[in-house]
Amino acid sequence: MDRHIAAQLATADAVRAWDERRAAGEVTNVTYANRLLGVARDEEAGWLAIVDYTPRGDRESRLKLTYMAAYLIATRGTLSAKEMNSALEAPRGRPADSRLTC
């Protein structure tokens, strides 16, 4: 999660820098769009690392869910089916609680 937060901050800095370069006429719109696409892909990779992470216990599971919820609230995003399944996974070494099935 710390790496994802750092990646988000780096993303914001990179977008600001590319905005300034474009405003100054240093780069074309095509170059600008390509660079922003690269930044977005890096941020997505960080998010997917969180989604794919399997918590090792209840504490990590709660941290993952809290982080995912905060991220979704901040970005006004939604979860894909894969992301939802990841969020509902039981921590390693512990069976899923049958009361939580939908």
C-alpha atoms as a PDB file:
ATOM      1  CA  MET A   1       0.000   0.000   0.000  1.00  0.00           C
ATOM      2  CA  ASP A   2       2.863   2.345   0.770  1.00  0.00           C
ATOM      3  CA  ARG A   3       4.280   1.713  -2.702  1.00  0.00           C
ATOM      4  CA  HIS A   4       0.905   2.435  -4.285  1.00  0.00           C
ATOM      5  CA  ILE A   5       0.570   5.703  -2.354  1.00  0.00           C
ATOM      6  CA  ALA A   6       4.099   6.673  -3.421  1.00  0.00           C
ATOM      7  CA  ALA A   7       3.212   5.779  -7.020  1.00  0.00           C
ATOM      8  CA  GLN A   8       0.098   7.955  -6.839  1.00  0.00           C
ATOM      9  CA  LEU A   9       2.153  10.902  -5.590  1.00  0.00           C
ATOM     10  CA  ALA A  10       4.694  10.311  -8.357  1.00  0.00           C
ATOM     11  CA  THR A  11       1.829  10.145 -10.856  1.00  0.00           C
ATOM     12  CA  ALA A  12       0.501  13.507  -9.711  1.00  0.00           C
ATOM     13  CA  ASP A  13       3.989  15.022  -9.977  1.00  0.00           C
ATOM     14  CA  ALA A  14       4.522  13.542 -13.447  1.00  0.00           C
ATOM     15  CA  VAL A  15       1.169  14.813 -14.706  1.00  0.00           C
ATOM     16  CA  ARG A  16       1.950  18.296 -13.369  1.00  0.00           C
ATOM     17  CA  ALA A  17       5.363  18.267 -15.044  1.00  0.00           C
ATOM     18  CA  TRP A  18       3.939  17.137 -18.389  1.00  0.00           C
ATOM     19  CA  ASP A  19       1.146  19.734 -18.118  1.00  0.00           C
ATOM     20  CA  GLU A  20       3.762  22.442 -17.613  1.00  0.00           C
ATOM     21  CA  ARG A  21       5.841  21.203 -20.558  1.00  0.00           C
ATOM     22  CA  ARG A  22       2.795  21.121 -22.809  1.00  0.00           C
ATOM     23  CA  ALA A  23       1.696  24.593 -21.687  1.00  0.00           C
ATOM     24  CA  ALA A  24       5.192  25.892 -22.466  1.00  0.00           C
ATOM     25  CA  GLY A  25       4.991  24.357 -25.942  1.00  0.00           C
ATOM     26  CA  GLU A  26       7.898  21.982 -25.272  1.00  0.00           C
ATOM     27  CA  VAL A  27       5.979  18.853 -26.341  1.00  0.00           C
ATOM     28  CA  THR A  28       3.341  18.009 -28.901  1.00  0.00           C
ATOM     29  CA  ASN A  29      -0.138  16.854 -27.932  1.00  0.00           C
ATOM     30  CA  VAL A  30       0.705  13.354 -29.167  1.00  0.00           C
ATOM     31  CA  THR A  31       3.806  13.147 -26.972  1.00  0.00           C
ATOM     32  CA  TYR A  32       1.837  14.544 -24.044  1.00  0.00           C
ATOM     33  CA  ALA A  33      -0.947  11.960 -24.512  1.00  0.00           C
ATOM     34  CA  ASN A  34       1.557   9.100 -24.796  1.00  0.00           C
ATOM     35  CA  ARG A  35       3.361  10.154 -21.623  1.00  0.00           C
ATOM     36  CA  LEU A  36       0.098  10.442 -19.690  1.00  0.00           C
ATOM     37  CA  LEU A  37      -0.899   6.991 -20.912  1.00  0.00           C
ATOM     38  CA  GLY A  38       2.374   5.625 -19.542  1.00  0.00           C
ATOM     39  CA  VAL A  39       1.768   7.328 -16.201  1.00  0.00           C
ATOM     40  CA  ALA A  40      -1.764   5.888 -16.058  1.00  0.00           C
ATOM     41  CA  ARG A  41      -0.442   2.397 -16.805  1.00  0.00           C
ATOM     42  CA  ASP A  42       2.092   2.670 -13.979  1.00  0.00           C
ATOM     43  CA  GLU A  43      -0.630   3.755 -11.559  1.00  0.00           C
ATOM     44  CA  GLU A  44      -2.873   0.902 -12.684  1.00  0.00           C
ATOM     45  CA  ALA A  45      -0.066  -1.598 -12.117  1.00  0.00           C
ATOM     46  CA  GLY A  46       0.255  -0.346  -8.534  1.00  0.00           C
ATOM     47  CA  TRP A  47      -3.496  -0.722  -7.978  1.00  0.00           C
ATOM     48  CA  LEU A  48      -3.462  -4.258  -9.414  1.00  0.00           C
ATOM     49  CA  ALA A  49      -0.637  -5.206  -7.041  1.00  0.00           C
ATOM     50  CA  ILE A  50      -2.945  -4.251  -4.153  1.00  0.00           C
ATOM     51  CA  VAL A  51      -5.891  -6.122  -5.691  1.00  0.00           C
ATOM     52  CA  ASP A  52      -3.824  -9.261  -6.336  1.00  0.00           C
ATOM     53  CA  TYR A  53      -2.220  -9.291  -2.887  1.00  0.00           C
ATOM     54  CA  THR A  54      -3.465 -12.135  -0.697  1.00  0.00           C
ATOM     55  CA  PRO A  55      -3.530 -11.021   2.950  1.00  0.00           C
ATOM     56  CA  ARG A  56      -1.724 -13.227   5.463  1.00  0.00           C
ATOM     57  CA  GLY A  57      -4.214 -12.716   8.253  1.00  0.00           C
ATOM     58  CA  ASP A  58      -7.192 -10.781   9.533  1.00  0.00           C
ATOM     59  CA  ARG A  59      -5.208  -7.589  10.148  1.00  0.00           C
ATOM     60  CA  GLU A  60      -3.808  -7.470   6.613  1.00  0.00           C
ATOM     61  CA  SER A  61      -7.236  -8.336   5.237  1.00  0.00           C
ATOM     62  CA  ARG A  62      -8.805  -5.387   7.065  1.00  0.00           C
ATOM     63  CA  LEU A  63      -5.999  -3.078   5.908  1.00  0.00           C
ATOM     64  CA  LYS A  64      -6.463  -4.171   2.304  1.00  0.00           C
ATOM     65  CA  LEU A  65     -10.235  -3.632   2.456  1.00  0.00           C
ATOM     66  CA  THR A  66      -9.835  -0.251   4.141  1.00  0.00           C
ATOM     67  CA  TYR A  67      -7.283   0.882   1.582  1.00  0.00           C
ATOM     68  CA  MET A  68      -9.396  -0.316  -1.334  1.00  0.00           C
ATOM     69  CA  ALA A  69     -12.476   1.426   0.063  1.00  0.00           C
ATOM     70  CA  ALA A  70     -10.580   4.687   0.607  1.00  0.00           C
ATOM     71  CA  TYR A  71      -9.141   4.511  -2.913  1.00  0.00           C
ATOM     72  CA  LEU A  72     -12.570   3.908  -4.433  1.00  0.00           C
ATOM     73  CA  ILE A  73     -14.100   6.766  -2.463  1.00  0.00           C
ATOM     74  CA  ALA A  74     -11.281   9.129  -3.429  1.00  0.00           C
ATOM     75  CA  THR A  75     -11.406   8.189  -7.107  1.00  0.00           C
ATOM     76  CA  ARG A  76     -15.169   7.603  -7.242  1.00  0.00           C
ATOM     77  CA  GLY A  77     -14.310   4.283  -8.818  1.00  0.00           C
ATOM     78  CA  THR A  78     -15.939   0.882  -8.838  1.00  0.00           C
ATOM     79  CA  LEU A  79     -14.589  -2.638  -8.629  1.00  0.00           C
ATOM     80  CA  SER A  80     -14.433  -5.053 -11.530  1.00  0.00           C
ATOM     81  CA  ALA A  81     -15.589  -8.624 -10.913  1.00  0.00           C
ATOM     82  CA  LYS A  82     -11.952  -9.730 -10.435  1.00  0.00           C
ATOM     83  CA  GLU A  83     -11.321  -6.928  -7.941  1.00  0.00           C
ATOM     84  CA  MET A  84     -14.503  -7.793  -6.032  1.00  0.00           C
ATOM     85  CA  ASN A  85     -13.464 -11.447  -5.779  1.00  0.00           C
ATOM     86  CA  SER A  86     -10.067 -10.368  -4.479  1.00  0.00           C
ATOM     87  CA  ALA A  87     -11.674  -8.147  -1.857  1.00  0.00           C
ATOM     88  CA  LEU A  88     -13.872 -11.003  -0.645  1.00  0.00           C
ATOM     89  CA  GLU A  89     -11.059 -13.603  -0.438  1.00  0.00           C
ATOM     90  CA  ALA A  90     -10.274 -15.093   2.923  1.00  0.00           C
ATOM     91  CA  PRO A  91      -6.789 -14.452   4.331  1.00  0.00           C
ATOM     92  CA  ARG A  92      -4.201 -17.220   3.775  1.00  0.00           C
ATOM     93  CA  GLY A  93      -4.593 -20.185   6.055  1.00  0.00           C
ATOM     94  CA  ARG A  94      -8.153 -19.338   7.018  1.00  0.00           C
ATOM     95  CA  PRO A  95     -11.316 -20.590   5.332  1.00  0.00           C
ATOM     96  CA  ALA A  96     -13.851 -18.070   4.105  1.00  0.00           C
ATOM     97  CA  ASP A  97     -16.718 -17.369   6.492  1.00  0.00           C
ATOM     98  CA  SER A  98     -19.788 -18.960   4.932  1.00  0.00           C
ATOM     99  CA  ARG A  99     -21.963 -16.191   6.406  1.00  0.00           C
ATOM    100  CA  LEU A 100     -20.300 -13.685   4.056  1.00  0.00           C
ATOM    101  CA  THR A 101     -21.282 -15.409   0.841  1.00  0.00           C
ATOM    102  CA  CYS A 102     -23.813 -13.660  -1.356  1.00  0.00           C
END
